[in-house]
Amino acid sequence: MSLKGKLVSEINIKCDGDVFHEIFRHKPHHISSMCDKVQSVDIHEGEWGTVGSIISWNFIHDGKGKVAKDIIEFIDEEKKFAKFKVIGGDLLDEYKSISFSVHVESKSDQNNLVTWISEYEKKNTNVPDPHTYVNFLLNMSKDIESHHLKGMLVSEIEIKSEVDILHEIFRYRPHHISSMCPDKIQNVDIHEGEWGTVGSVISWNFTHDGKEKVVKEIVEEIDEEKKLIKKNIIEGDLLEDYKSFCITAHVDTKDENNLVTWILEYEKKNANVSDPHTFMELCLNMTKDIETYHINVRYPY
């Protein structure tokens, strides 16, 4: 039985192929913030993204903390290809030599193919082929993809209305909002539970980007002291572009100013989906309409 071998595995990713190659060439030290299995990546010699540079990886594999030190052997920028040879660490306990190559190839606007290649020589026939290491790299690739498709938008708007009134509307009376901004919100109905309770399911009919749309959401969290309500979209038009979408409304007073903070947390289905800036504008404009409505009710002349 030969001690030498080669494994090739492919995985489709929906994030930008150039970004993915950029990470493995110039920014592998950022991977620890994208993948919980990678604790740190440090450079020991040379510069990031250059042939001959030496990099160490601290990572979790098969439930154990491990270390690998590798040297960048080859980079092909045009083909988005990089090859790393392991020169120190735990892998060399079992392998006389082992290297990993990563190649990113664009297949379509929404799909890029990442190919991992492992070339190795085992120290003896009892050593397994490095399938678990390749699986580790595939899972790491998926974590990097998810990181780049996720996002968060945060916007604040100052209001003259009382914060208690705004929180009361967002928590207990969202079905009244259609009377305050009918050009944006046509209808709000409850499907399960009761208004103002965690677990209640609410549907919204609204106009966004000039189109009539529908979403169904579940109330995930309510903090009465902080005047915060968090809702997760579970059905509707937004989920055509986003794998997940969460909306938080927080009403607060800062330096005598009343503020509404909107937080949108989302994961796009692919890199071509825009960040939801126009949806954030809808939330802010709806807030201004609610404010105007209550000012006019209180001071009609």
Protein backbone atom coordinates (compact mmCIF):
# COMPACT_ATOMS: atom_id res chain seq x y z
CA MET A 1 0.00 0.00 0.00
CA SER A 2 1.37 3.39 -1.00
CA LEU A 3 2.04 5.88 1.77
CA LYS A 4 1.62 8.81 -0.60
CA GLY A 5 -1.77 10.17 -1.54
CA LYS A 6 -3.86 13.08 -2.75
CA LEU A 7 -7.35 14.21 -1.73
CA VAL A 8 -9.45 16.67 -3.72
CA SER A 9 -12.70 18.15 -2.41
CA GLU A 10 -14.93 20.90 -3.78
CA ILE A 11 -17.50 23.15 -2.16
CA ASN A 12 -19.79 25.81 -3.61
CA ILE A 13 -19.88 29.19 -1.88
CA LYS A 14 -22.19 32.13 -2.52
CA CYS A 15 -19.90 34.88 -1.26
CA ASP A 16 -17.55 36.75 -3.58
CA GLY A 17 -14.73 34.56 -4.95
CA ASP A 18 -12.23 37.43 -4.97
CA VAL A 19 -12.95 38.13 -1.31
CA PHE A 20 -12.45 34.46 -0.45
CA HIS A 21 -9.07 34.30 -2.23
CA GLU A 22 -8.05 37.59 -0.61
CA ILE A 23 -8.65 36.08 2.83
CA PHE A 24 -6.43 33.05 2.25
CA ARG A 25 -3.70 35.02 0.55
CA HIS A 26 -3.51 38.27 2.52
CA LYS A 27 -5.79 37.94 5.56
CA PRO A 28 -5.75 34.43 7.06
CA HIS A 29 -5.27 36.12 10.45
CA HIS A 30 -8.87 37.35 10.13
CA ILE A 31 -10.27 33.80 9.93
CA SER A 32 -10.38 33.38 13.72
CA SER A 33 -13.15 36.03 13.81
CA MET A 34 -15.17 34.07 11.22
CA CYS A 35 -14.68 30.47 12.40
CA ASP A 36 -14.82 29.29 16.03
CA LYS A 37 -12.59 26.31 15.21
CA VAL A 38 -9.66 28.62 14.45
CA GLN A 39 -8.24 30.39 17.52
CA SER A 40 -5.44 32.40 15.93
CA VAL A 41 -3.29 32.73 12.82
CA ASP A 42 0.09 34.46 13.17
CA ILE A 43 2.93 35.29 10.81
CA HIS A 44 6.47 34.30 11.82
CA GLU A 45 8.52 35.25 8.77
CA GLY A 46 7.95 37.37 5.70
CA GLU A 47 4.78 39.30 4.91
CA TRP A 48 1.15 38.30 4.50
CA GLY A 49 0.37 37.14 0.98
CA THR A 50 3.94 36.49 -0.19
CA VAL A 51 5.63 33.26 -1.25
CA GLY A 52 8.08 32.08 1.42
CA SER A 53 6.23 33.61 4.36
CA ILE A 54 5.73 31.31 7.36
CA ILE A 55 2.40 31.20 9.20
CA SER A 56 1.25 29.32 12.31
CA TRP A 57 -2.32 28.16 12.93
CA ASN A 58 -3.92 27.36 16.30
CA PHE A 59 -7.11 25.40 15.75
CA ILE A 60 -9.51 22.75 17.09
CA HIS A 61 -9.53 19.43 15.24
CA ASP A 62 -11.36 16.30 16.40
CA GLY A 63 -12.06 18.09 19.68
CA LYS A 64 -8.38 18.79 20.41
CA GLY A 65 -6.33 21.97 20.26
CA LYS A 66 -3.64 21.68 17.60
CA VAL A 67 -0.92 23.77 15.97
CA ALA A 68 0.36 23.79 12.39
CA LYS A 69 3.15 25.89 10.94
CA ASP A 70 3.19 26.26 7.16
CA ILE A 71 5.08 28.05 4.42
CA ILE A 72 3.42 29.60 1.39
CA GLU A 73 4.94 27.66 -1.51
CA PHE A 74 3.05 29.05 -4.49
CA ILE A 75 0.53 31.75 -5.41
CA ASP A 76 -1.24 32.20 -8.75
CA GLU A 77 -3.23 35.42 -8.58
CA GLU A 78 -4.91 34.94 -11.94
CA LYS A 79 -6.21 31.47 -11.05
CA LYS A 80 -6.89 32.46 -7.41
CA PHE A 81 -4.70 29.60 -6.23
CA ALA A 82 -2.45 29.30 -3.17
CA LYS A 83 -0.44 26.37 -1.84
CA PHE A 84 0.68 25.91 1.77
CA LYS A 85 3.22 23.28 2.91
CA VAL A 86 3.15 22.20 6.54
CA ILE A 87 6.66 22.45 8.05
CA GLY A 88 5.90 22.08 11.77
CA GLY A 89 3.26 21.13 14.29
CA ASP A 90 0.90 18.29 15.13
CA LEU A 91 0.24 17.08 11.58
CA LEU A 92 3.85 16.03 11.20
CA ASP A 93 3.39 13.53 14.04
CA GLU A 94 1.59 11.31 11.50
CA TYR A 95 2.64 12.62 8.10
CA LYS A 96 6.14 12.73 6.71
CA SER A 97 4.96 15.57 4.49
CA ILE A 98 1.62 17.27 3.86
CA SER A 99 0.46 20.32 1.92
CA PHE A 100 -2.86 22.04 1.28
CA SER A 101 -3.84 24.03 -1.79
CA VAL A 102 -6.92 26.20 -2.23
CA HIS A 103 -8.34 27.25 -5.60
CA VAL A 104 -11.29 29.59 -6.07
CA GLU A 105 -13.14 29.53 -9.39
CA SER A 106 -16.15 31.62 -10.39
CA LYS A 107 -18.91 29.48 -11.88
CA SER A 108 -21.77 31.99 -12.00
CA ASP A 109 -22.88 35.28 -10.49
CA GLN A 110 -24.11 33.51 -7.38
CA ASN A 111 -21.85 30.48 -7.05
CA ASN A 112 -18.11 30.14 -6.72
CA LEU A 113 -16.30 26.82 -6.47
CA VAL A 114 -13.64 26.34 -3.80
CA THR A 115 -11.36 23.35 -4.36
CA TRP A 116 -9.15 22.05 -1.55
CA ILE A 117 -6.27 19.71 -2.45
CA SER A 118 -4.23 17.80 0.10
CA GLU A 119 -1.02 16.05 -0.98
CA TYR A 120 0.65 13.93 1.67
CA GLU A 121 2.96 11.10 2.63
CA LYS A 122 2.06 9.06 5.71
CA LYS A 123 4.69 7.83 8.14
CA ASN A 124 3.20 4.33 8.17
CA THR A 125 0.19 2.37 6.97
CA ASN A 126 -1.66 2.85 10.27
CA VAL A 127 -2.02 6.57 9.64
CA PRO A 128 -5.41 7.46 8.08
CA ASP A 129 -5.76 9.58 4.99
CA PRO A 130 -6.36 13.19 6.08
CA HIS A 131 -10.11 13.25 5.33
CA THR A 132 -10.90 14.89 8.66
CA TYR A 133 -8.45 17.72 7.95
CA VAL A 134 -10.00 18.33 4.54
CA ASN A 135 -13.46 18.28 6.14
CA PHE A 136 -12.16 20.85 8.62
CA LEU A 137 -11.15 23.11 5.71
CA LEU A 138 -14.51 22.66 3.98
CA ASN A 139 -16.36 23.58 7.17
CA MET A 140 -14.07 26.55 7.66
CA SER A 141 -14.92 27.65 4.10
CA LYS A 142 -18.63 27.53 4.92
CA ASP A 143 -18.04 29.60 8.07
CA ILE A 144 -16.20 32.22 6.01
CA GLU A 145 -19.06 32.24 3.50
CA SER A 146 -21.65 32.73 6.25
CA HIS A 147 -19.61 35.53 7.81
CA HIS A 148 -19.55 37.49 4.57
CA LEU A 149 -23.24 37.04 3.89
CA LYS A 150 -24.24 38.24 7.36
CA GLY A 151 -24.65 41.88 8.23
CA MET A 152 -26.07 44.45 10.60
CA LEU A 153 -27.42 47.95 10.08
CA VAL A 154 -27.99 50.34 12.97
CA SER A 155 -29.70 53.73 12.66
CA GLU A 156 -30.93 56.26 15.21
CA ILE A 157 -33.63 58.86 14.76
CA GLU A 158 -34.51 61.65 17.18
CA ILE A 159 -38.19 62.09 17.97
CA LYS A 160 -40.26 64.67 19.83
CA SER A 161 -42.91 62.19 20.90
CA GLU A 162 -42.75 60.57 24.33
CA VAL A 163 -40.66 57.39 24.34
CA ASP A 164 -43.29 55.51 26.33
CA ILE A 165 -45.84 56.17 23.60
CA LEU A 166 -43.52 54.89 20.85
CA HIS A 167 -42.65 51.74 22.78
CA GLU A 168 -46.33 51.20 23.58
CA ILE A 169 -47.14 51.31 19.86
CA PHE A 170 -44.32 48.98 18.83
CA ARG A 171 -45.18 46.51 21.60
CA TYR A 172 -48.97 46.54 22.04
CA ARG A 173 -50.46 48.50 19.14
CA PRO A 174 -48.56 47.89 15.88
CA HIS A 175 -51.99 47.32 14.28
CA HIS A 176 -52.64 51.05 14.75
CA ILE A 177 -49.61 52.04 12.64
CA SER A 178 -51.52 51.71 9.36
CA SER A 179 -53.69 54.67 10.41
CA MET A 180 -50.55 56.76 11.09
CA CYS A 181 -48.67 56.05 7.85
CA PRO A 182 -51.17 54.48 5.41
CA ASP A 183 -48.93 55.13 2.40
CA LYS A 184 -46.32 52.76 3.87
CA ILE A 185 -48.21 50.31 6.12
CA GLN A 186 -51.51 48.97 4.84
CA ASN A 187 -52.34 46.41 7.50
CA VAL A 188 -50.94 44.67 10.61
CA ASP A 189 -52.68 41.53 11.94
CA ILE A 190 -51.99 39.06 14.73
CA HIS A 191 -52.04 35.35 13.85
CA GLU A 192 -50.97 33.69 17.08
CA GLY A 193 -50.75 34.77 20.72
CA GLU A 194 -51.62 38.20 22.06
CA TRP A 195 -50.40 41.69 21.27
CA GLY A 196 -47.29 42.60 23.25
CA THR A 197 -46.21 39.08 24.20
CA VAL A 198 -43.15 37.03 23.32
CA GLY A 199 -44.00 34.28 20.85
CA SER A 200 -46.87 36.15 19.19
CA VAL A 201 -46.92 35.97 15.39
CA ILE A 202 -47.77 39.12 13.42
CA SER A 203 -48.14 39.81 9.70
CA TRP A 204 -47.46 43.13 7.97
CA ASN A 205 -48.76 44.35 4.60
CA PHE A 206 -46.59 47.27 3.51
CA THR A 207 -45.12 49.14 0.55
CA HIS A 208 -41.36 48.90 0.02
CA ASP A 209 -39.38 50.05 -3.01
CA GLY A 210 -42.67 50.87 -4.73
CA LYS A 211 -44.03 47.34 -4.35
CA GLU A 212 -46.66 45.84 -2.07
CA LYS A 213 -45.10 43.24 0.22
CA VAL A 214 -45.96 40.94 3.09
CA VAL A 215 -43.92 39.59 6.00
CA LYS A 216 -44.80 37.42 8.96
CA GLU A 217 -42.75 37.84 12.14
CA ILE A 218 -42.50 36.31 15.60
CA VAL A 219 -41.77 38.43 18.67
CA GLU A 220 -38.55 36.99 20.13
CA GLU A 221 -37.72 39.38 22.96
CA ILE A 222 -39.29 42.20 24.92
CA ASP A 223 -37.39 44.27 27.49
CA GLU A 224 -39.85 46.62 29.17
CA GLU A 225 -37.18 48.39 31.22
CA LYS A 226 -35.04 49.16 28.15
CA LYS A 227 -38.11 49.73 25.94
CA LEU A 228 -36.80 47.19 23.43
CA ILE A 229 -38.63 44.72 21.20
CA LYS A 230 -36.96 42.19 18.90
CA LYS A 231 -38.74 40.33 16.10
CA ASN A 232 -37.62 37.62 13.71
CA ILE A 233 -39.05 37.35 10.17
CA ILE A 234 -40.34 33.82 9.58
CA GLU A 235 -42.22 34.20 6.25
CA GLY A 236 -42.78 36.63 3.42
CA ASP A 237 -41.10 38.65 0.71
CA LEU A 238 -37.95 39.55 2.63
CA LEU A 239 -36.98 35.89 2.84
CA GLU A 240 -36.74 35.71 -0.95
CA ASP A 241 -33.40 37.54 -0.66
CA TYR A 242 -32.39 36.89 2.94
CA LYS A 243 -31.80 33.58 4.68
CA SER A 244 -32.66 35.25 7.99
CA PHE A 245 -33.83 38.72 9.00
CA CYS A 246 -34.24 40.16 12.50
CA ILE A 247 -35.61 43.60 13.45
CA THR A 248 -35.05 45.35 16.78
CA ALA A 249 -36.66 48.63 17.86
CA HIS A 250 -35.22 50.36 20.93
CA VAL A 251 -36.66 53.56 22.38
CA ASP A 252 -34.46 55.57 24.76
CA THR A 253 -33.68 59.01 26.16
CA LYS A 254 -30.11 60.32 25.82
CA ASP A 255 -29.06 63.79 26.97
CA GLU A 256 -32.68 64.92 27.04
CA ASN A 257 -33.19 63.69 23.47
CA ASN A 258 -35.71 60.96 22.70
CA LEU A 259 -34.25 58.41 20.30
CA VAL A 260 -35.51 55.40 18.40
CA THR A 261 -32.76 52.96 17.40
CA TRP A 262 -33.49 50.43 14.65
CA ILE A 263 -31.22 47.39 14.30
CA LEU A 264 -31.45 45.06 11.30
CA GLU A 265 -29.54 41.76 11.51
CA TYR A 266 -29.59 39.60 8.40
CA GLU A 267 -27.94 36.91 6.34
CA LYS A 268 -28.10 37.31 2.57
CA LYS A 269 -28.76 34.32 0.35
CA ASN A 270 -25.93 35.32 -1.97
CA ALA A 271 -23.44 38.12 -2.54
CA ASN A 272 -25.65 39.81 -5.16
CA VAL A 273 -28.30 40.70 -2.58
CA SER A 274 -28.06 44.32 -1.42
CA ASP A 275 -27.79 45.29 2.21
CA PRO A 276 -31.27 46.37 3.36
CA HIS A 277 -30.67 50.13 3.40
CA THR A 278 -34.02 50.88 1.76
CA PHE A 279 -35.82 48.77 4.37
CA MET A 280 -34.02 50.74 7.07
CA GLU A 281 -35.27 53.94 5.41
CA LEU A 282 -38.80 52.51 5.60
CA CYS A 283 -38.42 51.94 9.36
CA LEU A 284 -37.06 55.46 9.91
CA ASN A 285 -39.75 57.10 7.76
CA MET A 286 -42.45 55.09 9.51
CA THR A 287 -41.09 56.35 12.85
CA LYS A 288 -41.28 59.96 11.65
CA ASP A 289 -44.88 59.42 10.51
CA ILE A 290 -45.81 58.01 13.92
CA GLU A 291 -44.16 61.01 15.57
CA THR A 292 -45.99 63.46 13.30
CA TYR A 293 -49.31 61.75 13.95
CA HIS A 294 -48.95 62.06 17.72
CA ILE A 295 -47.76 65.65 17.59
CA ASN A 296 -50.76 66.59 15.46
CA VAL A 297 -53.13 64.75 17.81
CA ARG A 298 -51.64 66.55 20.81
CA TYR A 299 -51.28 69.94 19.13
CA PRO A 300 -53.82 69.94 16.27
CA TYR A 301 -53.48 73.70 15.63
